[in-house]
């Protein structure tokens, strides 16, 4: 089922819920890890009966030193789901109220300007060969262009395999992305050309199952590795970074892609009623609400086109503050 072994008195319920989630198509990897920590917590707690009590839950959701509110909410949410699963089986369990914890403050996406994107890519292109990571100078220029030019989530880019990159038609196939969705992502002609050159240089003898952006040992490049390079490129491009959680973040390339698309379409006089659903599909959003948030960002960042945006979609433009939600 997964690499975790559960040993507490709640192990039967935990395994049962994981099986149920995975049978519905969810990967449920990170939640399984959280449940493993909860299982260990129950063992240390001395829980001998298979009961989820109010005291157990409240002790579990005590905030740890330096723990972010978002991490705490995740821990609480997973155990809440476990309690709901147990109650559906007809067993009494304490279900934490949905709004028991304060909401984490919303993150305002950082939208790179055209000048910043150019400066950043200039530094990425200047990336030198490194013996410890011999493909770094080939991977980084293409990876960052796909993040910005295709609006990919970093996990989607790093999980690409050679078979997912169609060099003939210039289309990426994202497999099992967020919400367990697969989708096709067309590339620009320039990015398609770069991919062809990259494959000739990196994957001449690779199998179709090889990771498109491989680490030295052949596994997928890690987010941590890319983030370290990203921080260095930001510094070299003289783009300030506010620290962990304050951005800019790798995910902000995706936000920038969406806002720049909308800006271009508005200035070109495109019908947003037609193009916004296309953007929703391209980004792999689960709901129109996520995509529509970019309308507000576009209007706020480019006051000269605010009137055009609000005239076309003023009835669906949400407020960016107050609900802690961020389109992704």
Protein backbone atom coordinates (compact mmCIF):
# COMPACT_ATOMS: atom_id res chain seq x y z
CA UNK A 1 0.00 0.00 0.00
CA UNK A 2 2.82 2.40 0.92
CA UNK A 3 6.20 2.29 2.61
CA UNK A 4 4.84 3.08 6.08
CA UNK A 5 4.11 0.49 8.74
CA UNK A 6 1.40 1.31 11.24
CA UNK A 7 1.42 -0.28 14.69
CA UNK A 8 -0.93 1.66 16.97
CA UNK A 9 -4.37 0.52 18.05
CA UNK A 10 -5.77 2.66 15.22
CA UNK A 11 -3.76 0.91 12.50
CA UNK A 12 -6.78 -0.95 11.13
CA UNK A 13 -8.73 2.28 10.62
CA UNK A 14 -5.69 4.05 9.16
CA UNK A 15 -5.00 1.30 6.63
CA UNK A 16 -8.67 1.08 5.75
CA UNK A 17 -8.95 4.81 5.03
CA UNK A 18 -5.80 4.79 2.91
CA UNK A 19 -7.16 1.87 0.86
CA UNK A 20 -10.44 3.72 0.40
CA UNK A 21 -8.74 6.94 -0.75
CA UNK A 22 -6.44 5.12 -3.15
CA UNK A 23 -9.32 3.08 -4.58
CA UNK A 24 -10.96 6.41 -5.46
CA UNK A 25 -7.87 7.40 -7.44
CA UNK A 26 -6.04 9.55 -4.88
CA UNK A 27 -2.29 9.04 -4.52
CA UNK A 28 -2.59 9.90 -0.81
CA UNK A 29 1.18 9.80 -0.26
CA UNK A 30 1.69 12.89 1.89
CA UNK A 31 -1.43 12.14 3.95
CA UNK A 32 -0.19 8.58 4.50
CA UNK A 33 3.01 10.07 5.89
CA UNK A 34 1.01 12.34 8.21
CA UNK A 35 -0.99 9.33 9.39
CA UNK A 36 2.26 7.48 10.07
CA UNK A 37 3.33 10.33 12.37
CA UNK A 38 -0.10 10.23 14.01
CA UNK A 39 0.25 6.46 14.46
CA UNK A 40 3.61 7.02 16.18
CA UNK A 41 2.04 9.75 18.28
CA UNK A 42 -0.67 7.32 19.43
CA UNK A 43 1.98 4.74 20.38
CA UNK A 44 3.90 7.28 22.44
CA UNK A 45 0.63 8.55 23.87
CA UNK A 46 -0.10 5.11 25.27
CA UNK A 47 -3.35 4.69 23.35
CA UNK A 48 -4.37 1.08 23.86
CA UNK A 49 -7.97 1.20 22.64
CA UNK A 50 -8.92 2.05 19.06
CA UNK A 51 -10.66 5.31 19.91
CA UNK A 52 -10.18 8.85 18.61
CA UNK A 53 -11.06 10.98 21.61
CA UNK A 54 -11.32 14.73 21.95
CA UNK A 55 -8.28 14.81 24.26
CA UNK A 56 -6.21 12.76 21.79
CA UNK A 57 -7.11 15.10 18.92
CA UNK A 58 -6.46 18.28 20.90
CA UNK A 59 -3.10 16.97 22.09
CA UNK A 60 -2.26 16.08 18.48
CA UNK A 61 -3.03 19.59 17.19
CA UNK A 62 -0.84 21.40 19.70
CA UNK A 63 1.35 23.65 17.59
CA UNK A 64 5.01 22.64 17.52
CA UNK A 65 7.87 25.15 17.83
CA UNK A 66 8.47 26.90 14.48
CA UNK A 67 5.58 24.98 12.88
CA UNK A 68 3.68 26.97 10.30
CA UNK A 69 -0.05 27.34 10.64
CA UNK A 70 -0.49 25.70 7.24
CA UNK A 71 1.40 22.58 8.40
CA UNK A 72 -0.66 22.42 11.57
CA UNK A 73 -3.86 22.70 9.54
CA UNK A 74 -2.71 19.82 7.34
CA UNK A 75 -2.02 17.61 10.37
CA UNK A 76 -5.41 18.46 11.82
CA UNK A 77 -7.26 17.93 8.53
CA UNK A 78 -5.85 14.45 7.93
CA UNK A 79 -6.84 13.23 11.40
CA UNK A 80 -10.26 14.86 10.97
CA UNK A 81 -10.70 12.80 7.80
CA UNK A 82 -9.70 9.68 9.71
CA UNK A 83 -12.31 10.42 12.38
CA UNK A 84 -14.97 10.92 9.70
CA UNK A 85 -14.01 7.58 8.15
CA UNK A 86 -14.29 5.86 11.54
CA UNK A 87 -17.75 7.37 12.18
CA UNK A 88 -18.92 6.17 8.76
CA UNK A 89 -18.07 2.66 9.96
CA UNK A 90 -20.43 3.18 12.86
CA UNK A 91 -17.71 3.68 15.48
CA UNK A 92 -17.78 6.71 17.75
CA UNK A 93 -14.95 9.17 17.18
CA UNK A 94 -14.32 12.83 17.90
CA UNK A 95 -14.48 14.89 14.71
CA UNK A 96 -12.66 18.19 14.99
CA UNK A 97 -14.95 21.04 13.86
CA UNK A 98 -13.99 22.31 10.43
CA UNK A 99 -13.07 25.83 11.54
CA UNK A 100 -11.48 24.90 14.86
CA UNK A 101 -8.11 26.32 13.83
CA UNK A 102 -7.45 29.86 12.59
CA UNK A 103 -6.86 30.14 8.87
CA UNK A 104 -3.35 30.67 7.63
CA UNK A 105 -2.81 34.11 6.11
CA UNK A 106 -3.13 34.04 2.35
CA UNK A 107 0.00 34.33 0.25
CA UNK A 108 -0.09 37.08 -2.34
CA UNK A 109 1.53 35.68 -5.48
CA UNK A 110 4.65 37.43 -6.72
CA UNK A 111 4.21 38.34 -10.38
CA UNK A 112 7.52 38.80 -12.15
CA UNK A 113 7.74 41.73 -14.52
CA UNK A 114 8.93 41.24 -18.09
CA UNK A 115 12.22 42.86 -17.11
CA UNK A 116 12.65 40.50 -14.14
CA UNK A 117 11.91 37.42 -16.25
CA UNK A 118 14.52 38.54 -18.79
CA UNK A 119 17.11 39.20 -16.06
CA UNK A 120 16.41 35.89 -14.37
CA UNK A 121 16.65 33.85 -17.58
CA UNK A 122 19.91 35.62 -18.40
CA UNK A 123 21.39 34.30 -15.15
CA UNK A 124 19.89 30.85 -15.70
CA UNK A 125 21.50 30.70 -19.16
CA UNK A 126 24.85 31.64 -17.61
CA UNK A 127 24.69 28.57 -15.34
CA UNK A 128 28.05 26.78 -15.55
CA UNK A 129 28.95 23.10 -15.76
CA UNK A 130 29.29 21.54 -12.31
CA UNK A 131 31.07 18.17 -11.82
CA UNK A 132 28.76 17.24 -8.91
CA UNK A 133 25.67 17.95 -11.05
CA UNK A 134 27.01 17.53 -14.60
CA UNK A 135 23.71 18.27 -16.36
CA UNK A 136 22.82 21.38 -14.37
CA UNK A 137 23.87 23.82 -17.12
CA UNK A 138 21.62 21.98 -19.59
CA UNK A 139 18.65 21.33 -17.29
CA UNK A 140 18.16 24.73 -15.66
CA UNK A 141 17.71 26.89 -18.80
CA UNK A 142 15.00 24.56 -20.15
CA UNK A 143 13.34 23.80 -16.81
CA UNK A 144 12.80 27.45 -15.93
CA UNK A 145 11.48 28.21 -19.40
CA UNK A 146 8.91 25.42 -19.06
CA UNK A 147 7.87 26.65 -15.62
CA UNK A 148 7.25 30.14 -16.99
CA UNK A 149 6.29 29.33 -20.57
CA UNK A 150 3.90 26.46 -19.78
CA UNK A 151 2.70 27.40 -16.29
CA UNK A 152 3.71 24.01 -14.90
CA UNK A 153 3.75 23.20 -11.22
CA UNK A 154 7.32 22.33 -10.21
CA UNK A 155 6.25 18.77 -9.30
CA UNK A 156 4.70 18.34 -12.75
CA UNK A 157 7.90 19.45 -14.46
CA UNK A 158 10.14 17.21 -12.36
CA UNK A 159 7.88 14.18 -12.83
CA UNK A 160 8.01 14.42 -16.62
CA UNK A 161 9.51 11.40 -18.31
CA UNK A 162 10.96 11.25 -21.80
CA UNK A 163 7.83 9.53 -23.11
CA UNK A 164 5.73 12.49 -21.88
CA UNK A 165 7.47 14.98 -24.18
CA UNK A 166 6.24 14.87 -27.77
CA UNK A 167 8.93 16.62 -29.80
CA UNK A 168 7.01 16.25 -33.07
CA UNK A 169 3.95 18.29 -32.10
CA UNK A 170 5.45 20.15 -29.14
CA UNK A 171 3.12 18.87 -26.42
CA UNK A 172 3.83 17.80 -22.84
CA UNK A 173 1.66 15.16 -21.20
CA UNK A 174 1.24 15.77 -17.48
CA UNK A 175 0.41 12.45 -15.83
CA UNK A 176 -1.44 12.29 -12.51
CA UNK A 177 -1.14 15.99 -11.69
CA UNK A 178 -3.02 17.74 -8.92
CA UNK A 179 -6.55 16.38 -8.38
CA UNK A 180 -5.21 13.19 -10.08
CA UNK A 181 -5.70 14.75 -13.49
CA UNK A 182 -3.83 14.07 -16.72
CA UNK A 183 -3.63 16.90 -19.24
CA UNK A 184 -1.92 17.96 -22.45
CA UNK A 185 0.19 21.13 -22.36
CA UNK A 186 1.19 22.60 -25.74
CA UNK A 187 4.56 24.37 -25.84
CA UNK A 188 5.66 27.39 -27.82
CA UNK A 189 7.73 26.79 -30.94
CA UNK A 190 10.81 28.16 -29.16
CA UNK A 191 10.42 25.82 -26.17
CA UNK A 192 9.78 22.89 -28.51
CA UNK A 193 13.00 23.72 -30.37
CA UNK A 194 14.90 23.91 -27.07
CA UNK A 195 13.48 20.55 -25.98
CA UNK A 196 14.72 18.92 -29.19
CA UNK A 197 18.23 20.23 -28.65
CA UNK A 198 18.14 19.22 -24.98
CA UNK A 199 17.08 15.65 -25.82
CA UNK A 200 19.91 15.29 -28.32
CA UNK A 201 22.41 16.46 -25.69
CA UNK A 202 21.02 14.63 -22.65
CA UNK A 203 18.83 11.71 -23.72
CA UNK A 204 20.51 10.32 -26.84
CA UNK A 205 20.72 6.86 -25.24
CA UNK A 206 17.93 7.12 -22.66
CA UNK A 207 14.90 4.88 -22.45
CA UNK A 208 11.41 6.35 -22.81
CA UNK A 209 10.85 5.91 -19.06
CA UNK A 210 13.83 8.08 -18.08
CA UNK A 211 13.12 11.26 -16.16
CA UNK A 212 13.24 14.23 -18.49
CA UNK A 213 15.15 16.26 -15.88
CA UNK A 214 17.34 13.60 -14.22
CA UNK A 215 19.53 13.85 -11.14
CA UNK A 216 23.05 12.33 -11.41
CA UNK A 217 21.89 8.89 -10.27
CA UNK A 218 19.01 8.85 -12.76
CA UNK A 219 16.17 9.63 -10.38
CA UNK A 220 14.07 12.78 -10.72
CA UNK A 221 15.72 16.06 -9.84
CA UNK A 222 14.49 17.22 -6.42
CA UNK A 223 12.52 20.37 -5.63
CA UNK A 224 15.16 21.26 -3.05
CA UNK A 225 17.89 21.21 -5.67
CA UNK A 226 15.90 23.44 -8.02
CA UNK A 227 14.98 25.82 -5.20
CA UNK A 228 18.64 26.30 -4.22
CA UNK A 229 19.49 27.16 -7.82
CA UNK A 230 16.45 29.44 -8.00
CA UNK A 231 17.58 31.41 -4.93
CA UNK A 232 21.02 31.87 -6.47
CA UNK A 233 19.57 33.02 -9.81
CA UNK A 234 17.34 35.52 -8.00
CA UNK A 235 20.33 36.96 -6.16
CA UNK A 236 22.36 37.19 -9.36
CA UNK A 237 19.45 38.90 -11.14
CA UNK A 238 19.14 41.38 -8.22
CA UNK A 239 15.59 40.28 -7.41
CA UNK A 240 15.06 40.45 -3.65
CA UNK A 241 13.77 37.46 -1.72
CA UNK A 242 11.80 37.88 1.47
CA UNK A 243 12.79 34.53 3.00
CA UNK A 244 11.07 31.17 3.31
CA UNK A 245 7.31 31.48 2.82
CA UNK A 246 7.55 35.10 1.65
CA UNK A 247 8.69 34.58 -1.90
CA UNK A 248 9.24 34.85 -4.71
CA UNK A 249 8.67 31.11 -4.97
CA UNK A 250 9.07 28.63 -7.81
CA UNK A 251 5.27 28.41 -7.94
CA UNK A 252 5.14 32.11 -8.81
CA UNK A 253 6.32 31.32 -12.33
CA UNK A 254 2.95 29.60 -12.76
CA UNK A 255 1.11 32.64 -11.42
CA UNK A 256 3.16 34.93 -13.66
CA UNK A 257 2.38 32.79 -16.70
CA UNK A 258 -1.36 33.08 -16.06
CA UNK A 259 -1.32 36.83 -15.44
CA UNK A 260 0.86 37.52 -18.47
CA UNK A 261 -1.48 35.42 -20.63
CA UNK A 262 -4.49 37.42 -19.48
CA UNK A 263 -2.65 40.71 -19.94
CA UNK A 264 -1.74 39.77 -23.50
CA UNK A 265 -5.27 38.63 -24.36
CA UNK A 266 -6.86 41.80 -22.99
CA UNK A 267 -4.45 44.02 -24.89
CA UNK A 268 -5.12 42.00 -28.04
CA UNK A 269 -8.86 42.45 -27.57
CA UNK A 270 -9.54 38.74 -27.16
CA UNK A 271 -12.90 37.58 -25.82
CA UNK A 272 -12.14 36.53 -22.23
CA UNK A 273 -15.37 34.56 -22.07
CA UNK A 274 -13.75 32.24 -24.64
CA UNK A 275 -10.15 32.35 -23.44
CA UNK A 276 -10.58 32.01 -19.67
CA UNK A 277 -11.95 28.43 -19.91
CA UNK A 278 -8.96 27.62 -22.14
CA UNK A 279 -6.60 28.92 -19.45
CA UNK A 280 -8.46 26.86 -16.84
CA UNK A 281 -7.95 23.69 -18.87
CA UNK A 282 -4.34 24.52 -19.69
CA UNK A 283 -3.46 25.06 -16.03
CA UNK A 284 -5.36 21.97 -14.89
CA UNK A 285 -7.53 23.87 -12.44
CA UNK A 286 -10.33 22.01 -10.74
CA UNK A 287 -12.71 24.95 -10.75
CA UNK A 288 -13.29 28.22 -12.59
CA UNK A 289 -12.94 30.02 -9.25
CA UNK A 290 -9.19 29.26 -9.12
CA UNK A 291 -8.60 30.63 -12.61
CA UNK A 292 -10.74 33.73 -12.10
CA UNK A 293 -8.45 34.93 -9.30
CA UNK A 294 -5.88 35.78 -11.92
CA UNK A 295 -8.29 38.36 -13.30
CA UNK A 296 -7.98 40.35 -10.07
CA UNK A 297 -4.20 40.04 -10.08
CA UNK A 298 -4.07 41.19 -13.70
CA UNK A 299 -6.31 44.18 -13.01
CA UNK A 300 -4.33 45.20 -9.90
CA UNK A 301 -0.92 44.92 -11.56
CA UNK A 302 -1.85 46.64 -14.81
CA UNK A 303 -4.18 49.56 -13.99
CA UNK A 304 -4.28 50.63 -17.64
CA UNK A 305 -6.26 47.51 -18.55
CA UNK A 306 -8.35 47.33 -15.36
CA UNK A 307 -11.40 48.80 -17.07
CA UNK A 308 -11.25 46.20 -19.84
CA UNK A 309 -10.92 43.32 -17.39
CA UNK A 310 -13.69 44.52 -15.10
CA UNK A 311 -15.99 45.28 -18.01
CA UNK A 312 -15.61 41.74 -19.31
CA UNK A 313 -15.52 39.83 -16.02
CA UNK A 314 -16.26 42.20 -13.17
CA UNK A 315 -19.01 39.91 -11.92
CA UNK A 316 -16.62 37.03 -11.31
CA UNK A 317 -13.45 38.79 -10.17
CA UNK A 318 -12.88 37.72 -6.54
CA UNK A 319 -11.19 39.66 -3.79
CA UNK A 320 -7.59 38.58 -3.25
CA UNK A 321 -7.63 39.03 0.50
CA UNK A 322 -9.36 37.58 3.51
CA UNK A 323 -9.97 33.92 2.72
CA UNK A 324 -6.44 32.53 2.73
CA UNK A 325 -7.03 30.77 -0.56
CA UNK A 326 -4.61 30.91 -3.43
CA UNK A 327 -5.14 29.75 -6.97
CA UNK A 328 -2.64 27.11 -7.97
